[in-house]
Every structure is written in structure tokens, then in C-alpha cells.
Amino acid sequence: MGGGDLGPPKAPPVTAEAVEDVRSALGDLVLETPVHRWQTSELEARVAAGTEVHLKLELLQHTGTFKVRGAFNVLRNQPPAALEHGITAISAGNHAIATAYCAWRLGLSAKVVMLSHANPFRVERCRSYGAELVLVDDAKQGFELVDQIVAEEGRFFVHPFEGLHTSMGTATLGLEFCQQVPGLDAVIVPIGGGGLASGVAAAVKAIAPDCAVYGVEPEGAPTMTRALAAGEPVTLDGMSTVADSLAAPFTGATSLALCARHIDEVLLLTDTQILEAQALAFRDLKLALEPAGAAATAGLLGPLRDRLAGQRVGVVVCGSNIDIGTLHEQLGDAAAAG
């Protein structure tokens, strides 16, 4: 499901030149992550004949995910006075780590709210960059606490996925991908809150309008799917998915508008499909991915397999903040399901 009339646009059109300007401004704050052409007999046995697969290895980005692209772009667009009391954020993991890293890199103070069920590995990675952490039981409580921190301490809030500067930051990933692999027929990108997908899709369509862009999200967290169907932002309760990084509780107006405008279709994935893709990446490529990082591959091997037959396909491998114990457990679950 994609497209839809959302009424007056909530985000201006994105041009290739604008994305290039952002990438130039970010400089070495972000890495140009490599692309790997996946050519193995096991992959060939799983995709349709003639499909050419290119992986954008964003797991090699600073902090292990794409998140720094948006966070740095948000911060560079703020006046110094807005940052003089430091910054704050809320996240179950990857955005918290990225925000802490950005603060450390820019010499800012960071106070980050994390969910109490967050993976301990991610909590420690956030602490390693010097951020002060506050743990809360759920996202609603977390966002309320962030509002309180902003009001009482004057910190600037770096949103985990919503806002034009966030999307323009992640658009630099789409720009790089199109430059590294000209002539892509399709790009597959994971969707959580939409901060990554909105930027990547906008950049790809600006540079290569005929390239199809497919979003994938877990069946247990279909936030963007429902928002696109409703034609307006939605909030979900009771999400459940192994890909916790993609379990955003709500959509925002900007990310939704950009996804509606630029993504051709959003498809849903089962946890089993995601785990099987995670296991294949580990077995065939020696990549230790968190489930969210394997979601686009799951889309390639599952619902999009036949549709992309014979095409040149770009797959966004968005992150890998996972500890050895959790990886072992998830690979075991994949083996049991298989």
C-alpha cells in the first residue's frame, strides 16, 4: 500500500541538488558507507532468475546504524543558542546511541531517555559516549519525560524519526546509493517511524524517478501501513516484533507525507521472514545484523521475490546494534523455524 492524498503537502519537494548540499555540509561527520554486490550460490537459489542484488552496508556507519545522518543534520540546522543547554532524545536503542555520539562529537551535553526493556548492549553503548541516561517503562512515559526535560532544562529535543531535517539527513544515504550503483530498478528500505524511508525514497525519486522504492515493515508493527491507509498520522498500541528498531508507536506528518509521495508500496513481513533473512546474512555474508537490518533482505526474498525478477535491486542494510547473546538466540530461532 502506498500513495494516497494527504491534502496539502506537509513537506516541500526534495531535489537532488538539495540532498547534495546536505551531504556536502555533513562532510566527515558521516561516512559514505560501501556497497557490496551479493553474488553467491545460496542467494541465487533464493531470488528469481537474473536478479542483481546490491547491499548498501549502512551497518558500517558511525554507531552501527543510519541514525547519525538525521541527527547530525538536525543539529547543524539549529542556532547555537538552541543547543547551549545540551540535547535530549528518546529511543529504545539506535537513536539514543546516535544522539549520544553526536553530542560527544560536537562537544554537547546529552540526557537521553531509554526504555527499560532496551537491550543492555545498546544501553552501554549510549553510556560509552558520555550521555546521562534515564530509563522509563514505556514510550508514552518517555515522551512525557522528554517534554519535561526540555521545559525544565532547556535542552533541545532530537526527534527519533520526524522532521524535514531528519529526512534530508537520511536522504544522503539514498544519494550515495544512486551514485554508487547507477541504474537501479528498485530499492528496498525498512520502515519504523519513517525517518529513514522518507529520506531514502525522496532522494531516489529525485535522482532516478523511474526506480521503484519499496518499504517493508513488520506485521507486528504496521504503523506506516495503517497511516497510509488512513491518510493521516496514526498511533498504535501493543506492537510485537523481533525487529524492535522498527516498532515505532506513531507516525509523524512529515515522514508520512514524504513516504506517501515517494514510496511505491509498503509490504509487511513476518518475524519468521526477518529471522530467516538475518540468518542468511550471517551464514552467507558473515554479517551480524540486528533484525531491522535484515528486513529489506527479507522483503527481497519474500513478498518482492517474483516481482523483482531480472532487476537490478538495491537493498538497504540499515544497522547492526546487537550483542552476541541476542544474535545467538535469534539465529537459533531462525534455525528452529526453518
Foldseek 3Di string as FASTA:
>chain_A
DFADDLDPAPDDADALVLLVVLPVVCPVVKDLADKDWDDDPVVCVQFFPQETEIERLQCPIVQRFLQLLLQVLVVVPDDPVLDPLHAEEEELARNLLNRLQSCLVVVGAYEYEHEPPRDVLRVVSSCVSPHHYDYDHDDVVVVVVRVVCCVPRVHHYDYRADDPSLLSSLLNNLSSVCVNDPPAQEEEAEAAQQRNVLNNQSNCCNVPVNRAYEYEYAPQACQLVVCRVVSHKDADPDGDAQQVRRRHRIYDSNSSSSRNVGHPYYYYDYNLLLLLQQLCCCVRVVDNARSNLSRQVSCCSPPCRVVSHSGHYYYYRGGHSDDPVVSVVSNVVNVVVD
